[in-house]
Protein backbone atom coordinates (compact mmCIF):
# COMPACT_ATOMS: atom_id res chain seq x y z
CA MET A 1 33.63 -4.49 12.59
CA VAL A 2 35.42 -3.49 9.39
CA ILE A 3 33.06 -1.78 6.97
CA THR A 4 34.48 -1.37 3.48
CA ALA A 5 34.16 1.77 1.40
CA GLU A 6 32.13 -0.30 -1.07
CA ALA A 7 29.60 -1.24 1.62
CA ARG A 8 29.25 2.40 2.69
CA ARG A 9 28.79 3.48 -0.92
CA ARG A 10 26.07 0.90 -1.47
CA ALA A 11 24.30 1.94 1.73
CA GLN A 12 24.43 5.62 0.80
CA GLU A 13 22.98 4.82 -2.62
CA LEU A 14 20.16 2.99 -0.86
CA LEU A 15 19.41 5.97 1.40
CA ASP A 16 19.43 8.28 -1.63
CA PHE A 17 17.01 5.94 -3.44
CA ILE A 18 14.62 5.86 -0.48
CA ASP A 19 14.77 9.62 -0.02
CA ALA A 20 13.84 10.02 -3.71
CA SER A 21 10.90 7.61 -3.25
CA PRO A 22 8.46 9.00 -0.67
CA SER A 23 5.57 7.10 -2.31
CA PRO A 24 5.25 3.94 -4.43
CA TRP A 25 4.70 6.12 -7.51
CA HIS A 26 7.90 8.02 -6.82
CA ALA A 27 9.65 4.66 -6.33
CA GLY A 28 8.40 3.52 -9.72
CA ALA A 29 9.69 6.71 -11.33
CA ALA A 30 13.05 6.42 -9.54
CA LEU A 31 13.43 2.82 -10.72
CA GLY A 32 12.71 3.91 -14.28
CA ARG A 33 15.27 6.71 -14.18
CA LEU A 34 17.98 4.43 -12.83
CA LEU A 35 17.20 1.70 -15.34
CA GLN A 36 17.28 4.12 -18.27
CA GLY A 37 20.59 5.48 -16.99
CA ALA A 38 21.93 1.92 -17.07
CA GLY A 39 20.90 1.43 -20.69
CA PHE A 40 17.57 -0.32 -20.23
CA GLU A 41 14.98 0.35 -22.94
CA GLU A 42 11.42 1.09 -21.80
CA LEU A 43 8.69 -1.12 -23.24
CA ARG A 44 4.99 -0.28 -23.18
CA GLU A 45 2.34 -2.90 -22.65
CA ALA A 46 0.13 -1.41 -25.40
CA ASP A 47 2.90 -1.78 -28.01
CA ARG A 48 4.20 -4.83 -29.84
CA TRP A 49 7.53 -6.01 -28.42
CA ALA A 50 10.67 -6.82 -30.40
CA LEU A 51 13.44 -8.24 -28.20
CA ARG A 52 17.00 -9.26 -28.89
CA THR A 53 19.52 -11.48 -27.15
CA GLY A 54 21.45 -9.41 -24.63
CA GLY A 55 18.78 -6.70 -24.67
CA ARG A 56 17.99 -4.76 -21.49
CA TYR A 57 14.35 -3.78 -21.00
CA PHE A 58 11.81 -2.62 -18.45
CA VAL A 59 8.06 -2.11 -18.39
CA SER A 60 5.82 -0.30 -15.87
CA ARG A 61 2.22 -0.85 -14.84
CA GLY A 62 0.17 1.67 -12.91
CA GLY A 63 3.16 3.89 -12.22
CA SER A 64 4.28 1.96 -9.13
CA SER A 65 5.08 -1.55 -10.38
CA VAL A 66 8.08 -2.19 -12.63
CA ILE A 67 9.56 -5.32 -14.21
CA ALA A 68 13.07 -5.18 -15.67
CA PHE A 69 14.96 -7.95 -17.45
CA VAL A 70 18.13 -8.77 -19.37
CA VAL A 71 17.71 -11.33 -22.15
CA GLY A 72 20.21 -14.16 -21.73
CA GLN A 73 22.46 -15.72 -24.34
CA ALA A 74 20.60 -19.04 -24.14
CA PRO A 75 16.84 -19.31 -24.86
CA PRO A 76 14.58 -19.33 -21.77
CA ASP A 77 13.10 -22.76 -22.54
CA GLU A 78 16.59 -24.24 -22.11
CA THR A 79 17.73 -22.29 -19.02
CA GLY A 80 14.63 -20.81 -17.42
CA VAL A 81 14.29 -17.23 -16.18
CA PHE A 82 16.07 -16.38 -12.94
CA MET A 83 13.89 -13.87 -11.09
CA VAL A 84 13.99 -11.61 -8.04
CA GLY A 85 10.80 -10.12 -6.63
CA ALA A 86 10.32 -7.25 -4.16
CA HIS A 87 7.66 -4.66 -3.37
CA THR A 88 7.54 -0.89 -3.71
CA ASP A 89 4.85 -0.10 -1.12
CA SER A 90 5.23 0.39 2.63
CA PRO A 91 2.65 0.56 5.44
CA GLY A 92 1.50 4.00 6.47
CA LEU A 93 -1.28 6.54 6.07
CA ARG A 94 -3.11 7.53 2.89
CA VAL A 95 -5.15 10.72 2.40
CA LYS A 96 -8.89 10.20 1.88
CA PRO A 97 -10.64 11.45 -1.31
CA ARG A 98 -12.52 14.20 0.58
CA ALA A 99 -9.92 14.70 3.25
CA ALA A 100 -9.98 18.34 4.40
CA TYR A 101 -12.38 19.53 7.08
CA THR A 102 -12.55 22.08 9.88
CA SER A 103 -12.69 21.18 13.57
CA GLU A 104 -12.36 23.69 16.43
CA ARG A 105 -10.56 26.34 14.36
CA LEU A 106 -8.13 23.80 12.89
CA LEU A 107 -7.91 22.42 9.37
CA ARG A 108 -7.48 18.64 9.49
CA LEU A 109 -6.91 15.88 6.93
CA GLY A 110 -8.69 12.56 7.17
CA VAL A 111 -6.49 9.53 6.48
CA GLU A 112 -6.88 5.79 6.04
CA VAL A 113 -4.48 3.20 7.41
CA TYR A 114 -2.61 1.42 4.61
CA GLY A 115 -1.35 -2.02 5.57
CA GLY A 116 -0.08 -2.61 9.10
CA PRO A 117 2.04 0.34 10.28
CA ILE A 118 3.09 0.94 13.88
CA LEU A 119 0.77 3.91 14.22
CA ALA A 120 2.38 5.34 17.36
CA THR A 121 5.61 5.97 15.43
CA PHE A 122 3.86 8.51 13.19
CA THR A 123 3.19 10.85 16.13
CA ASP A 124 5.34 13.95 16.63
CA ARG A 125 7.14 13.48 13.32
CA ASP A 126 7.77 16.06 10.57
CA LEU A 127 5.33 14.60 8.06
CA SER A 128 4.36 15.67 4.57
CA LEU A 129 2.52 14.36 1.51
CA ALA A 130 3.68 12.69 -1.72
CA GLY A 131 1.98 10.74 -4.45
CA ARG A 132 0.21 11.48 -7.68
CA ILE A 133 -2.61 13.77 -8.75
CA ASN A 134 -4.74 13.50 -11.85
CA LEU A 135 -5.29 16.63 -13.92
CA ARG A 136 -7.86 17.64 -16.54
CA ASN A 137 -6.01 17.73 -19.84
CA ASN A 138 -7.96 18.71 -22.98
CA GLY A 139 -10.91 16.46 -22.24
CA ALA A 140 -8.76 13.65 -20.82
CA THR A 141 -6.74 13.22 -17.65
CA LYS A 142 -3.03 12.88 -17.00
CA SER A 143 -1.18 11.83 -13.86
CA VAL A 144 1.67 13.86 -12.39
CA LEU A 145 3.82 13.22 -9.35
CA VAL A 146 3.59 15.63 -6.46
CA ARG A 147 5.82 15.93 -3.41
CA ILE A 148 5.60 18.61 -0.77
CA ALA A 149 9.16 18.74 0.54
CA GLU A 150 8.70 20.78 3.70
CA PRO A 151 6.89 19.43 6.80
CA LEU A 152 3.20 20.03 6.16
CA VAL A 153 1.12 17.91 8.53
CA ARG A 154 1.53 16.53 12.02
CA LEU A 155 0.00 14.03 14.43
CA PRO A 156 0.73 15.52 17.87
CA ASN A 157 0.71 13.20 20.85
CA LEU A 158 -1.70 13.73 23.71
CA ALA A 159 0.20 15.07 26.74
CA ILE A 160 0.93 12.53 29.44
CA HIS A 161 -1.12 14.64 31.85
CA MET A 162 -4.23 13.54 29.94
CA ASN A 163 -3.01 10.01 29.20
CA ARG A 164 -1.39 8.87 32.43
CA GLY A 165 -1.19 5.19 31.47
CA VAL A 166 0.58 5.65 28.15
CA ASN A 167 3.94 4.36 29.37
CA GLU A 168 2.38 1.26 30.93
CA GLU A 169 -0.34 0.51 28.39
CA GLY A 170 1.22 1.89 25.21
CA LEU A 171 -0.16 4.50 22.85
CA LYS A 172 -3.48 3.40 21.35
CA LEU A 173 -4.97 5.51 18.56
CA ASN A 174 -8.53 5.22 17.31
CA LYS A 175 -8.14 4.92 13.55
CA GLN A 176 -11.19 7.04 12.77
CA SER A 177 -11.14 9.82 15.34
CA GLU A 178 -7.53 10.13 16.50
CA LEU A 179 -5.52 9.81 13.27
CA PRO A 180 -6.65 12.91 11.31
CA LEU A 181 -3.60 15.09 10.70
CA LEU A 182 -3.33 18.73 11.68
CA LEU A 183 -2.71 20.90 8.62
CA ALA A 184 -3.36 24.57 9.47
CA GLU A 185 -5.35 27.11 11.35
CA GLN A 186 -8.62 27.62 9.55
CA LEU A 187 -8.86 31.03 7.90
CA ASN A 188 -12.26 32.69 7.61
CA GLY A 189 -13.74 32.60 4.13
CA LEU A 190 -11.60 29.72 2.81
CA ALA A 191 -13.28 26.37 2.26
CA PRO A 192 -11.21 23.47 3.68
CA GLU A 193 -11.07 21.49 0.44
CA GLY A 194 -10.28 24.58 -1.61
CA ARG A 195 -7.36 25.44 0.62
CA PHE A 196 -6.02 21.88 0.46
CA ARG A 197 -6.35 21.75 -3.32
CA GLY A 198 -4.51 25.06 -3.50
CA LEU A 199 -1.57 23.57 -1.59
CA LEU A 200 -1.40 20.60 -3.96
CA ALA A 201 -1.72 22.83 -7.01
CA ALA A 202 1.08 25.12 -5.84
CA SER A 203 3.36 22.16 -5.22
CA ALA A 204 2.65 20.68 -8.67
CA GLY A 205 2.79 24.04 -10.46
CA VAL A 206 -0.75 23.73 -11.86
CA ASP A 207 -4.07 25.48 -11.44
CA ALA A 208 -6.26 24.09 -8.63
CA GLY A 209 -9.17 23.80 -11.05
CA GLN A 210 -7.22 21.22 -13.07
CA ILE A 211 -7.07 18.73 -10.18
CA VAL A 212 -9.51 15.84 -10.55
CA ASN A 213 -8.37 13.62 -7.67
CA TRP A 214 -5.30 12.25 -5.89
CA GLU A 215 -3.53 9.29 -4.33
CA LEU A 216 -1.36 10.68 -1.54
CA HIS A 217 0.94 8.91 0.88
CA VAL A 218 1.97 10.47 4.21
CA TYR A 219 5.77 10.39 4.48
CA ASP A 220 8.45 11.37 6.99
CA THR A 221 10.57 14.26 5.73
CA GLN A 222 13.63 13.27 7.79
CA LYS A 223 16.28 11.91 5.45
CA GLY A 224 18.05 8.62 5.88
CA THR A 225 21.23 8.51 7.93
CA PHE A 226 24.06 6.36 9.24
CA TRP A 227 24.22 5.79 12.99
CA GLY A 228 26.11 3.81 15.64
CA ALA A 229 29.54 4.16 17.23
CA ASP A 230 31.18 3.05 13.99
CA GLN A 231 28.34 4.27 11.77
CA GLU A 232 27.55 0.62 11.12
CA PHE A 233 23.76 1.03 10.97
CA ILE A 234 21.35 2.94 8.77
CA ALA A 235 17.96 4.46 9.57
CA ASP A 236 15.26 5.59 7.16
CA SER A 237 11.63 5.13 6.34
CA GLN A 238 10.50 2.34 3.97
CA LEU A 239 13.54 0.08 4.38
CA ASP A 240 10.80 -2.53 4.19
CA ASN A 241 10.91 -3.04 1.31
CA LEU A 242 12.72 -0.43 -0.77
CA ALA A 243 16.01 -1.87 0.50
CA SER A 244 15.24 -5.15 -1.28
CA CYS A 245 14.13 -3.26 -4.39
CA HIS A 246 17.43 -1.38 -4.46
CA ALA A 247 19.48 -4.53 -3.90
CA GLY A 248 17.78 -6.30 -6.79
CA LEU A 249 18.00 -3.24 -9.00
CA SER A 250 21.71 -2.71 -8.28
CA ALA A 251 22.59 -6.32 -9.08
CA LEU A 252 20.52 -6.41 -12.27
CA MET A 253 21.94 -3.13 -13.61
CA GLU A 254 25.45 -4.56 -13.29
CA LEU A 255 24.54 -7.75 -15.13
CA ASP A 256 26.38 -8.03 -18.44
CA ALA A 257 25.68 -10.64 -21.14
CA PRO A 258 24.26 -13.32 -18.79
CA TRP A 259 23.82 -16.92 -19.91
CA ARG A 260 20.31 -17.08 -18.45
CA THR A 261 17.67 -14.38 -18.68
CA GLY A 262 17.60 -12.34 -15.46
CA LEU A 263 14.47 -10.53 -14.30
CA CYS A 264 13.61 -8.29 -11.37
CA GLY A 265 9.98 -7.50 -10.48
CA PHE A 266 9.02 -4.59 -8.21
CA PHE A 267 5.35 -4.81 -7.21
CA ASP A 268 2.95 -2.45 -5.47
CA HIS A 269 0.23 -3.48 -2.98
CA GLU A 270 2.13 -6.26 -1.18
CA GLU A 271 1.28 -4.69 2.18
CA VAL A 272 -2.45 -5.06 1.46
CA GLY A 273 -2.45 -8.53 -0.08
CA SER A 274 -1.12 -8.03 -3.65
CA GLU A 275 -4.59 -8.52 -5.19
CA SER A 276 -4.61 -5.79 -7.80
CA ALA A 277 -3.85 -5.25 -11.47
CA LYS A 278 -0.27 -4.32 -10.62
CA GLY A 279 0.23 -6.49 -7.54
CA ALA A 280 2.16 -9.75 -7.41
CA ASP A 281 -1.15 -11.64 -7.32
CA GLY A 282 -2.22 -9.96 -10.56
CA SER A 283 -1.26 -10.84 -14.12
CA PHE A 284 1.67 -8.43 -14.52
CA LEU A 285 4.51 -10.92 -14.08
CA SER A 286 2.91 -13.73 -16.08
CA ASP A 287 1.98 -11.27 -18.84
CA VAL A 288 5.58 -10.07 -19.11
CA LEU A 289 7.04 -13.59 -19.05
CA GLU A 290 4.67 -14.85 -21.72
CA ARG A 291 5.21 -11.82 -23.96
CA MET A 292 8.96 -12.06 -23.47
CA THR A 293 9.09 -15.68 -24.57
CA ARG A 294 6.78 -15.07 -27.53
CA ALA A 295 8.89 -12.10 -28.65
CA LEU A 296 11.93 -14.38 -28.55
CA GLY A 297 10.23 -16.82 -30.91
CA LEU A 298 9.03 -19.44 -28.40
CA ASP A 299 5.59 -21.05 -28.46
CA HIS A 300 3.29 -21.77 -25.50
CA GLU A 301 4.83 -25.18 -24.85
CA SER A 302 8.28 -23.60 -24.73
CA TYR A 303 6.95 -20.96 -22.32
CA LYS A 304 5.86 -23.73 -19.95
CA GLN A 305 9.27 -25.35 -20.30
CA ALA A 306 10.87 -22.03 -19.38
CA LEU A 307 8.71 -21.79 -16.23
CA ALA A 308 9.66 -25.33 -15.23
CA ARG A 309 13.34 -24.35 -15.35
CA SER A 310 12.91 -20.96 -13.67
CA PHE A 311 13.61 -19.81 -10.13
CA MET A 312 12.38 -16.94 -7.95
CA ILE A 313 14.11 -15.18 -5.06
CA SER A 314 11.44 -13.34 -3.10
CA ALA A 315 13.37 -10.56 -1.35
CA ASP A 316 11.69 -8.94 1.64
CA MET A 317 13.18 -7.71 4.90
CA ALA A 318 13.54 -9.98 7.96
CA HIS A 319 13.18 -9.50 11.73
CA ALA A 320 16.54 -8.91 13.40
CA PHE A 321 16.97 -9.96 17.01
CA HIS A 322 16.21 -7.12 19.42
CA PRO A 323 18.04 -7.60 22.74
CA ASN A 324 15.42 -5.64 24.67
CA PHE A 325 12.70 -8.12 23.67
CA PRO A 326 14.29 -11.61 23.63
CA ALA A 327 10.95 -13.34 24.35
CA ALA A 328 9.62 -12.23 20.96
CA TYR A 329 11.96 -14.56 19.07
CA GLU A 330 12.33 -18.26 18.39
CA PRO A 331 15.42 -19.11 20.52
CA ASN A 332 17.23 -21.20 17.91
CA HIS A 333 16.50 -18.87 14.98
CA GLN A 334 17.71 -15.47 16.09
CA VAL A 335 19.18 -13.46 13.21
CA HIS A 336 21.43 -10.44 13.61
CA VAL A 337 22.07 -7.17 11.82
CA ASN A 338 25.27 -7.12 9.73
CA ALA A 339 25.54 -10.91 9.80
CA GLY A 340 24.31 -11.67 6.27
CA PRO A 341 21.08 -12.30 4.38
CA VAL A 342 18.33 -14.30 6.04
CA ILE A 343 16.54 -17.36 4.65
CA LYS A 344 12.95 -17.41 5.91
CA THR A 345 10.98 -20.62 6.36
CA ASN A 346 7.46 -21.38 7.58
CA SER A 347 5.80 -24.80 7.43
CA ASN A 348 2.39 -23.17 6.85
CA GLN A 349 3.66 -21.61 3.62
CA ARG A 350 3.66 -18.01 4.80
CA TYR A 351 7.09 -18.14 3.15
CA ALA A 352 7.64 -20.14 -0.05
CA THR A 353 11.02 -21.62 0.95
CA ASP A 354 11.45 -25.39 0.83
CA SER A 355 14.57 -27.45 1.49
CA VAL A 356 15.59 -27.50 -2.19
CA SER A 357 15.26 -23.74 -2.76
CA GLU A 358 16.96 -23.08 0.58
CA ALA A 359 19.90 -25.30 -0.34
CA PHE A 360 20.25 -23.44 -3.64
CA PHE A 361 20.42 -20.06 -1.90
CA ILE A 362 22.93 -21.40 0.64
CA SER A 363 25.15 -22.49 -2.24
CA LEU A 364 24.95 -18.99 -3.72
CA CYS A 365 26.05 -17.40 -0.44
CA GLU A 366 28.90 -19.87 -0.09
CA SER A 367 30.06 -19.22 -3.66
CA VAL A 368 30.83 -15.58 -2.78
CA ASN A 369 31.85 -16.19 0.86
CA ILE A 370 28.83 -14.37 2.29
CA GLY A 371 27.43 -15.61 5.58
CA TYR A 372 23.73 -16.53 5.69
CA GLN A 373 21.20 -16.83 8.50
CA GLN A 374 18.03 -18.91 8.96
CA TYR A 375 14.84 -17.51 10.43
CA ALA A 376 11.67 -19.11 11.75
CA HIS A 377 8.94 -17.22 13.61
CA ARG A 378 7.84 -18.14 17.11
CA THR A 379 5.23 -20.88 16.83
CA ASP A 380 2.82 -19.05 19.15
CA LEU A 381 2.92 -15.80 17.12
CA GLY A 382 1.26 -15.09 13.80
CA CYS A 383 3.77 -14.95 10.95
CA GLY A 384 3.79 -12.32 8.23
CA SER A 385 4.07 -13.22 4.57
CA THR A 386 5.58 -12.01 1.30
CA ILE A 387 4.99 -12.12 -2.44
CA GLY A 388 6.89 -15.44 -2.48
CA PRO A 389 3.95 -17.81 -1.90
CA THR A 390 1.76 -15.78 -4.26
CA ILE A 391 4.18 -15.96 -7.18
CA ALA A 392 5.12 -19.58 -6.50
CA SER A 393 1.48 -20.64 -6.60
CA ARG A 394 0.61 -18.57 -9.69
CA LEU A 395 3.61 -19.64 -11.79
CA GLY A 396 4.57 -22.99 -10.29
CA VAL A 397 8.15 -21.76 -9.93
CA SER A 398 10.58 -22.93 -7.24
CA THR A 399 10.97 -20.03 -4.80
CA VAL A 400 13.04 -19.05 -1.77
CA ASP A 401 12.10 -16.24 0.63
CA VAL A 402 15.06 -14.19 1.83
CA GLY A 403 15.74 -10.72 3.17
CA ASN A 404 18.14 -8.60 5.15
CA PRO A 405 17.64 -8.28 8.92
CA MET A 406 16.19 -5.06 10.30
CA TRP A 407 14.72 -3.51 13.43
CA ALA A 408 11.36 -1.79 13.86
CA MET A 409 9.71 -3.23 10.75
CA HIS A 410 6.63 -1.14 9.79
CA SER A 411 7.74 1.77 11.93
CA CYS A 412 7.82 5.27 10.50
CA ARG A 413 11.60 5.04 11.05
CA GLU A 414 13.31 1.67 10.52
CA SER A 415 16.91 0.51 11.01
CA ALA A 416 19.22 -2.01 9.34
CA GLY A 417 22.91 -2.80 8.82
CA VAL A 418 25.37 -1.18 6.43
CA VAL A 419 27.18 -4.43 5.57
CA ASP A 420 24.06 -6.47 4.86
CA HIS A 421 22.94 -4.38 1.91
CA SER A 422 26.21 -4.86 0.04
CA SER A 423 26.21 -8.56 0.93
CA LEU A 424 22.78 -9.17 -0.58
CA ILE A 425 23.79 -7.38 -3.77
CA GLN A 426 26.84 -9.67 -4.06
CA VAL A 427 24.67 -12.77 -3.65
CA LEU A 428 22.14 -11.59 -6.24
CA LYS A 429 24.92 -10.83 -8.72
CA ALA A 430 26.23 -14.36 -8.25
CA TYR A 431 22.70 -15.70 -8.78
CA TRP A 432 22.40 -14.02 -12.16
CA GLU A 433 25.98 -14.74 -13.24
CA LYS A 434 25.68 -18.44 -12.41
CA GLN A 435 26.18 -20.55 -15.55
CA ALA A 436 24.79 -23.91 -14.46
C-alpha cells in the first residue's frame, strides 16, 4: 500500500490532537485553540450575536461541547446548513466525588464506569487522571483544567495462579469491588481525601483548600503511535470518537468562502445517551441554528425553510473486520481498515441513514475518487447507535451515519488506518465545497 506524505501528516495531527485531549474538557479546549488559530471568532451564548457573510465562528457549552460554523455566501433559507456531527467523550472510568479511601495499607480511588468500555483493557496500563476542578474564587467558583502527566494510578490484574480460568472464561471485573484504582501506600497521619486533594492541587498549581469538587477522567498515558510493517496503522486511546472530531475540524478549518453555511458540532455525553444540556439530545444545536439564522436577518419561517434544506453527516467510528473473529460480522457487509469511509445502515433506526442520504454520501465519495464501504450489523447481535438518529429526530434533517473503520472499539487502546483519516477529510471538504 502506498501511503502519501499527506496521509501521514493528517494521521500525525490526529494523534497529536488525541494526546492533547485526555478528557472531554481538554478536547473542548483543544478544539477552541485550533479554531482560534484558524481565524474563528468565539461567541458566547450569554451575549448578543452579530454575524456576517463569510464569518467564521464557534461557541462552547459546558466546556466539552463545541459548535463551529462558517457563514455561507447564500442565505441559509435558500441553501440550508450543511452539518457534521461527532462526539468528544469516550467510554472509560470516572473518579467518584468522595473517591479516596484506605484499604489494607493502600490508598485507593473509587471509580464509576462511564459508558461501555472494555474494562479488561484498563488493567496493567500506565493510567493517570485528567479533567476539570472547580475552585473557590472570591465567593464564586471557577473551573480549571487539570492533567497529571505521569502515571499515577493502576488497576493490576489478579495473577493467573488465583484466577486459573481467565484465559478460557475471560477477565470479569466486579464494577464495585474490583475496579478501584491503586494510588499509593497509605502514610500514617495523612487522611486519604486530603492526600488526594493535595495531588490535584499540586498538579493545578493551586492551594488544596481552594478545591470545591472535580470531574476526572481516567486516561492512558501512552501516546499515540504508528504501527504495522509499513506503518500503515495507528493506535491511541479515544479514536472513538476524537478521530471523527478531528476529521470534521480539519475540513471545516480549510473551508474558504463556501456557498452554503457549513457547521460542525462536537458533543459530549454521546456514550451515555446524549441526554444533557450539552449533549446532542439537548438544545445546543437547535439553539445555535436558530440564533444563527436570526442574526443573519431571517425570521422563524425562514429558519424552518433552512432546516428543510439542510443535511447532517453523523460521523462516528465503524467496526472493521477482525480476521480472528469472522463469526462476529455480517458476511456480506465486512468493512476493512484503509479501504475508505463506511456508510452505516440499520433498519431499526440505530443509524439514521436512508437510501437517499446514503446515495448523497456515495456521490460525494465518487466526486473525489474515494472508495466507500457499507456496513450492517449482524441481525442476531445488538447494534450500537450514534448521535445521528437523535439529531435527525430533533431537527427533522436528512442524515447519513458514516465513520472510519477501526479495531477494538471502546478499548483503552484502539487501532485504525492511516489512509482512512485523510480520505474522510477529503470527502468532508467536498461536502462543504459542493455548490449544488
